[in-house]
Amino acid sequence: MKSKAPFVLVLIGVILGLLLSLMRIVSYFVLKRIDWSVSDSLQMFEGLMLWHLILSITGIILSLVLIFYVVRIGKKLTRKDSIVVTVLGGLGIFLGLGIGGVLVLIGGIIGIVKSDKS
C-alpha cells in the first residue's frame, strides 16, 4: 500500500495556512478598530499591519489554489504533482502561509522522494 503521508501533510499544511491567514486578517481589523491616536510613531506600525494584511490575502489565495490542486490530484501524488506542490509550498512560506507552507513543502519533498523509490 502506498503511503499517504505526503497527501496528509500537504492537506494539513494548506488548511493550517488558510486558518492562520484568516486569523491575521481578523487581527488586522481588530487592531484597526482600536483608536490609535498616540502620535506619528504608529505610522510605521500601520505600515507593518498593512503589509501583514497583504501577505494574509496572498496566503488565502495560495491556500485556495493549493486546496483545489490537491483535491484535483486526489491521493495519487505523481512526481510532477509533488514538484508543483513543493514549489507552491516554498512560495507559501514567504507569501503568508507560515508554518502551513513548511508542512506543504515537507509533504511535497516526501512525495518526490517516494515517487523516486517506486
N, C-alpha and C. Protein backbone atom coordinates (compact mmCIF):
# COMPACT_ATOMS: atom_id res chain seq x y z
N MET A 1 0.85 -1.19 0.00
CA MET A 1 0.00 0.00 0.00
C MET A 1 0.88 1.24 0.00
N LYS A 2 0.54 2.17 -0.84
CA LYS A 2 1.32 3.39 -0.96
C LYS A 2 1.06 4.32 0.23
N SER A 3 2.10 5.00 0.68
CA SER A 3 1.99 5.88 1.83
C SER A 3 1.18 7.13 1.48
N LYS A 4 0.34 7.55 2.40
CA LYS A 4 -0.47 8.75 2.20
C LYS A 4 0.10 9.94 2.97
N ALA A 5 1.31 9.78 3.52
CA ALA A 5 1.91 10.84 4.33
C ALA A 5 2.07 12.15 3.56
N PRO A 6 2.56 12.14 2.30
CA PRO A 6 2.69 13.43 1.60
C PRO A 6 1.34 14.12 1.41
N PHE A 7 0.33 13.36 1.05
CA PHE A 7 -1.00 13.93 0.84
C PHE A 7 -1.54 14.54 2.13
N VAL A 8 -1.39 13.81 3.22
CA VAL A 8 -1.90 14.28 4.51
C VAL A 8 -1.15 15.53 4.97
N LEU A 9 0.18 15.54 4.82
CA LEU A 9 0.96 16.72 5.21
C LEU A 9 0.57 17.94 4.39
N VAL A 10 0.41 17.75 3.09
CA VAL A 10 0.03 18.87 2.23
C VAL A 10 -1.35 19.39 2.62
N LEU A 11 -2.27 18.49 2.85
CA LEU A 11 -3.63 18.89 3.22
C LEU A 11 -3.66 19.63 4.57
N ILE A 12 -2.96 19.10 5.56
CA ILE A 12 -2.90 19.76 6.87
C ILE A 12 -2.22 21.12 6.75
N GLY A 13 -1.14 21.19 5.98
CA GLY A 13 -0.43 22.46 5.80
C GLY A 13 -1.29 23.51 5.13
N VAL A 14 -2.04 23.11 4.12
CA VAL A 14 -2.91 24.07 3.42
C VAL A 14 -4.02 24.57 4.33
N ILE A 15 -4.64 23.67 5.06
CA ILE A 15 -5.72 24.07 5.97
C ILE A 15 -5.18 24.97 7.08
N LEU A 16 -4.02 24.62 7.63
CA LEU A 16 -3.40 25.44 8.67
C LEU A 16 -3.03 26.82 8.13
N GLY A 17 -2.46 26.87 6.93
CA GLY A 17 -2.12 28.15 6.32
C GLY A 17 -3.34 29.01 6.07
N LEU A 18 -4.43 28.39 5.63
CA LEU A 18 -5.66 29.13 5.40
C LEU A 18 -6.22 29.71 6.70
N LEU A 19 -6.24 28.89 7.74
CA LEU A 19 -6.75 29.37 9.03
C LEU A 19 -5.88 30.48 9.62
N LEU A 20 -4.56 30.33 9.53
CA LEU A 20 -3.68 31.38 10.05
C LEU A 20 -3.82 32.68 9.26
N SER A 21 -3.99 32.58 7.96
CA SER A 21 -4.19 33.78 7.15
C SER A 21 -5.50 34.48 7.53
N LEU A 22 -6.54 33.70 7.74
CA LEU A 22 -7.81 34.29 8.16
C LEU A 22 -7.70 34.95 9.53
N MET A 23 -6.95 34.31 10.44
CA MET A 23 -6.76 34.89 11.77
C MET A 23 -5.97 36.20 11.69
N ARG A 24 -4.99 36.27 10.78
CA ARG A 24 -4.23 37.51 10.63
C ARG A 24 -5.10 38.64 10.09
N ILE A 25 -6.00 38.31 9.19
CA ILE A 25 -6.90 39.34 8.66
C ILE A 25 -7.83 39.84 9.76
N VAL A 26 -8.35 38.93 10.56
CA VAL A 26 -9.22 39.33 11.67
C VAL A 26 -8.45 40.20 12.66
N SER A 27 -7.21 39.82 12.97
CA SER A 27 -6.42 40.62 13.91
C SER A 27 -6.11 42.00 13.35
N TYR A 28 -5.92 42.10 12.03
CA TYR A 28 -5.69 43.41 11.42
C TYR A 28 -6.89 44.32 11.66
N PHE A 29 -8.09 43.81 11.40
CA PHE A 29 -9.27 44.66 11.56
C PHE A 29 -9.58 44.94 13.02
N VAL A 30 -9.24 44.02 13.92
CA VAL A 30 -9.42 44.29 15.35
C VAL A 30 -8.49 45.41 15.79
N LEU A 31 -7.22 45.33 15.38
CA LEU A 31 -6.28 46.39 15.75
C LEU A 31 -6.62 47.70 15.05
N LYS A 32 -7.15 47.63 13.85
CA LYS A 32 -7.52 48.85 13.14
C LYS A 32 -8.72 49.53 13.80
N ARG A 33 -9.58 48.72 14.40
CA ARG A 33 -10.77 49.27 15.06
C ARG A 33 -10.40 50.04 16.33
N ILE A 34 -9.33 49.61 16.99
CA ILE A 34 -8.87 50.33 18.18
C ILE A 34 -8.33 51.68 17.74
N ASP A 35 -8.70 52.71 18.43
CA ASP A 35 -8.28 54.05 18.04
C ASP A 35 -6.84 54.30 18.47
N TRP A 36 -5.94 54.34 17.50
CA TRP A 36 -4.53 54.61 17.78
C TRP A 36 -4.27 56.09 17.52
N SER A 37 -4.49 56.92 18.49
CA SER A 37 -4.27 58.36 18.29
C SER A 37 -3.12 58.85 19.16
N VAL A 38 -2.03 58.09 19.20
CA VAL A 38 -0.92 58.46 20.06
C VAL A 38 -0.06 59.52 19.38
N SER A 39 0.57 59.17 18.27
CA SER A 39 1.41 60.13 17.56
C SER A 39 1.81 59.53 16.21
N ASP A 40 2.82 60.15 15.61
CA ASP A 40 3.30 59.67 14.31
C ASP A 40 4.12 58.39 14.42
N SER A 41 4.48 58.00 15.63
CA SER A 41 5.32 56.80 15.78
C SER A 41 4.58 55.53 15.38
N LEU A 42 3.26 55.60 15.32
CA LEU A 42 2.50 54.41 14.94
C LEU A 42 2.28 54.29 13.44
N GLN A 43 2.77 55.26 12.66
CA GLN A 43 2.63 55.14 11.22
C GLN A 43 3.42 53.96 10.69
N MET A 44 4.59 53.70 11.28
CA MET A 44 5.36 52.53 10.87
C MET A 44 4.61 51.26 11.24
N PHE A 45 3.98 51.25 12.40
CA PHE A 45 3.20 50.10 12.83
C PHE A 45 2.03 49.86 11.87
N GLU A 46 1.39 50.93 11.42
CA GLU A 46 0.30 50.78 10.46
C GLU A 46 0.80 50.22 9.15
N GLY A 47 1.98 50.64 8.73
CA GLY A 47 2.57 50.09 7.51
C GLY A 47 2.85 48.60 7.63
N LEU A 48 3.36 48.19 8.78
CA LEU A 48 3.60 46.76 9.01
C LEU A 48 2.30 45.97 9.03
N MET A 49 1.28 46.54 9.65
CA MET A 49 -0.01 45.85 9.69
C MET A 49 -0.61 45.73 8.29
N LEU A 50 -0.44 46.76 7.47
CA LEU A 50 -0.92 46.70 6.10
C LEU A 50 -0.16 45.64 5.30
N TRP A 51 1.15 45.55 5.54
CA TRP A 51 1.96 44.52 4.87
C TRP A 51 1.49 43.12 5.28
N HIS A 52 1.18 42.94 6.56
CA HIS A 52 0.67 41.65 7.02
C HIS A 52 -0.71 41.35 6.41
N LEU A 53 -1.52 42.38 6.21
CA LEU A 53 -2.81 42.17 5.56
C LEU A 53 -2.62 41.70 4.12
N ILE A 54 -1.69 42.32 3.41
CA ILE A 54 -1.41 41.91 2.03
C ILE A 54 -0.89 40.48 1.99
N LEU A 55 0.02 40.14 2.90
CA LEU A 55 0.53 38.77 2.95
C LEU A 55 -0.57 37.78 3.30
N SER A 56 -1.47 38.17 4.16
CA SER A 56 -2.57 37.27 4.53
C SER A 56 -3.50 37.02 3.35
N ILE A 57 -3.77 38.05 2.58
CA ILE A 57 -4.63 37.88 1.40
C ILE A 57 -3.95 36.98 0.38
N THR A 58 -2.65 37.17 0.14
CA THR A 58 -1.95 36.28 -0.79
C THR A 58 -1.87 34.86 -0.23
N GLY A 59 -1.77 34.74 1.09
CA GLY A 59 -1.78 33.41 1.71
C GLY A 59 -3.10 32.70 1.51
N ILE A 60 -4.19 33.44 1.61
CA ILE A 60 -5.51 32.84 1.37
C ILE A 60 -5.65 32.41 -0.09
N ILE A 61 -5.21 33.26 -1.00
CA ILE A 61 -5.29 32.91 -2.43
C ILE A 61 -4.45 31.67 -2.72
N LEU A 62 -3.23 31.63 -2.19
CA LEU A 62 -2.36 30.48 -2.41
C LEU A 62 -2.93 29.23 -1.76
N SER A 63 -3.53 29.37 -0.60
CA SER A 63 -4.16 28.22 0.07
C SER A 63 -5.31 27.67 -0.77
N LEU A 64 -6.12 28.56 -1.31
CA LEU A 64 -7.24 28.09 -2.13
C LEU A 64 -6.75 27.41 -3.40
N VAL A 65 -5.70 27.96 -4.02
CA VAL A 65 -5.12 27.31 -5.20
C VAL A 65 -4.62 25.92 -4.85
N LEU A 66 -3.91 25.82 -3.73
CA LEU A 66 -3.39 24.52 -3.30
C LEU A 66 -4.50 23.54 -2.94
N ILE A 67 -5.56 24.03 -2.29
CA ILE A 67 -6.67 23.14 -1.94
C ILE A 67 -7.31 22.56 -3.20
N PHE A 68 -7.58 23.42 -4.19
CA PHE A 68 -8.19 22.92 -5.42
C PHE A 68 -7.24 21.99 -6.17
N TYR A 69 -5.94 22.28 -6.13
CA TYR A 69 -4.97 21.41 -6.80
C TYR A 69 -4.90 20.05 -6.11
N VAL A 70 -4.86 20.05 -4.78
CA VAL A 70 -4.77 18.79 -4.04
C VAL A 70 -6.05 17.98 -4.21
N VAL A 71 -7.20 18.63 -4.23
CA VAL A 71 -8.46 17.91 -4.45
C VAL A 71 -8.48 17.32 -5.86
N ARG A 72 -7.95 18.05 -6.82
CA ARG A 72 -7.94 17.58 -8.20
C ARG A 72 -7.06 16.35 -8.37
N ILE A 73 -5.89 16.35 -7.75
CA ILE A 73 -4.99 15.21 -7.94
C ILE A 73 -5.37 14.03 -7.06
N GLY A 74 -6.22 14.25 -6.06
CA GLY A 74 -6.64 13.15 -5.20
C GLY A 74 -5.50 12.66 -4.34
N LYS A 75 -5.52 11.38 -4.01
CA LYS A 75 -4.50 10.81 -3.14
C LYS A 75 -3.33 10.23 -3.92
N LYS A 76 -3.34 10.34 -5.23
CA LYS A 76 -2.26 9.79 -6.05
C LYS A 76 -1.32 10.92 -6.45
N LEU A 77 -0.33 11.19 -5.65
CA LEU A 77 0.65 12.22 -5.98
C LEU A 77 1.70 11.64 -6.93
N THR A 78 1.79 12.19 -8.13
CA THR A 78 2.86 11.79 -9.03
C THR A 78 4.07 12.68 -8.76
N ARG A 79 5.17 12.39 -9.43
CA ARG A 79 6.38 13.19 -9.25
C ARG A 79 6.14 14.64 -9.67
N LYS A 80 5.46 14.83 -10.79
CA LYS A 80 5.19 16.19 -11.28
C LYS A 80 4.31 16.95 -10.29
N ASP A 81 3.29 16.29 -9.77
CA ASP A 81 2.42 16.93 -8.78
C ASP A 81 3.18 17.29 -7.51
N SER A 82 4.08 16.40 -7.10
CA SER A 82 4.88 16.67 -5.90
C SER A 82 5.81 17.86 -6.10
N ILE A 83 6.35 17.99 -7.31
CA ILE A 83 7.23 19.14 -7.59
C ILE A 83 6.42 20.44 -7.56
N VAL A 84 5.23 20.43 -8.16
CA VAL A 84 4.38 21.62 -8.15
C VAL A 84 3.99 22.00 -6.72
N VAL A 85 3.62 21.00 -5.92
CA VAL A 85 3.24 21.25 -4.53
C VAL A 85 4.43 21.78 -3.74
N THR A 86 5.63 21.25 -4.00
CA THR A 86 6.83 21.71 -3.31
C THR A 86 7.13 23.17 -3.64
N VAL A 87 7.03 23.52 -4.91
CA VAL A 87 7.28 24.92 -5.32
C VAL A 87 6.24 25.85 -4.69
N LEU A 88 4.97 25.45 -4.73
CA LEU A 88 3.93 26.30 -4.12
C LEU A 88 4.09 26.39 -2.61
N GLY A 89 4.55 25.31 -1.98
CA GLY A 89 4.82 25.35 -0.54
C GLY A 89 5.97 26.28 -0.21
N GLY A 90 7.02 26.25 -1.05
CA GLY A 90 8.14 27.17 -0.86
C GLY A 90 7.71 28.61 -1.00
N LEU A 91 6.87 28.88 -1.99
CA LEU A 91 6.32 30.24 -2.14
C LEU A 91 5.44 30.60 -0.95
N GLY A 92 4.70 29.61 -0.46
CA GLY A 92 3.80 29.85 0.65
C GLY A 92 4.50 30.25 1.93
N ILE A 93 5.73 29.75 2.12
CA ILE A 93 6.49 30.13 3.31
C ILE A 93 6.70 31.64 3.33
N PHE A 94 6.98 32.21 2.17
CA PHE A 94 7.28 33.64 2.09
C PHE A 94 6.05 34.50 1.81
N LEU A 95 4.96 33.88 1.37
CA LEU A 95 3.78 34.66 0.99
C LEU A 95 2.59 34.47 1.91
N GLY A 96 2.84 34.24 3.18
CA GLY A 96 1.76 34.30 4.14
C GLY A 96 1.23 33.00 4.68
N LEU A 97 1.72 31.84 4.24
CA LEU A 97 1.22 30.60 4.80
C LEU A 97 1.93 30.23 6.10
N GLY A 98 3.14 30.69 6.28
CA GLY A 98 3.87 30.42 7.52
C GLY A 98 4.15 28.96 7.73
N ILE A 99 3.78 28.43 8.89
CA ILE A 99 4.05 27.04 9.23
C ILE A 99 3.28 26.09 8.31
N GLY A 100 2.14 26.52 7.81
CA GLY A 100 1.41 25.72 6.83
C GLY A 100 2.21 25.52 5.56
N GLY A 101 2.93 26.56 5.14
CA GLY A 101 3.80 26.45 3.97
C GLY A 101 4.94 25.47 4.20
N VAL A 102 5.46 25.43 5.43
CA VAL A 102 6.51 24.47 5.76
C VAL A 102 5.98 23.05 5.65
N LEU A 103 4.78 22.81 6.16
CA LEU A 103 4.19 21.46 6.07
C LEU A 103 3.92 21.07 4.62
N VAL A 104 3.45 22.00 3.81
CA VAL A 104 3.23 21.72 2.39
C VAL A 104 4.55 21.40 1.71
N LEU A 105 5.59 22.16 2.04
CA LEU A 105 6.91 21.93 1.47
C LEU A 105 7.44 20.55 1.85
N ILE A 106 7.31 20.18 3.11
CA ILE A 106 7.78 18.86 3.56
C ILE A 106 6.97 17.75 2.88
N GLY A 107 5.66 17.93 2.77
CA GLY A 107 4.83 16.94 2.09
C GLY A 107 5.23 16.77 0.64
N GLY A 108 5.53 17.88 -0.03
CA GLY A 108 5.98 17.80 -1.42
C GLY A 108 7.31 17.10 -1.57
N ILE A 109 8.24 17.38 -0.66
CA ILE A 109 9.55 16.72 -0.71
C ILE A 109 9.41 15.23 -0.45
N ILE A 110 8.59 14.86 0.52
CA ILE A 110 8.35 13.43 0.78
C ILE A 110 7.72 12.77 -0.44
N GLY A 111 6.80 13.48 -1.10
CA GLY A 111 6.19 12.95 -2.31
C GLY A 111 7.19 12.72 -3.42
N ILE A 112 8.16 13.64 -3.56
CA ILE A 112 9.20 13.47 -4.58
C ILE A 112 10.07 12.27 -4.26
N VAL A 113 10.47 12.14 -2.99
CA VAL A 113 11.32 11.01 -2.59
C VAL A 113 10.58 9.69 -2.77
N LYS A 114 9.30 9.65 -2.38
CA LYS A 114 8.52 8.41 -2.52
C LYS A 114 8.32 8.05 -3.98
N SER A 115 8.16 9.06 -4.85
CA SER A 115 7.95 8.76 -6.27
C SER A 115 9.24 8.25 -6.92
N ASP A 116 10.41 8.66 -6.39
CA ASP A 116 11.68 8.15 -6.90
C ASP A 116 11.87 6.68 -6.55
N LYS A 117 11.38 6.26 -5.39
CA LYS A 117 11.56 4.88 -4.95
C LYS A 117 10.67 3.91 -5.71
N SER A 118 9.52 4.40 -6.19
CA SER A 118 8.62 3.47 -6.88
C SER A 118 8.79 3.48 -8.38
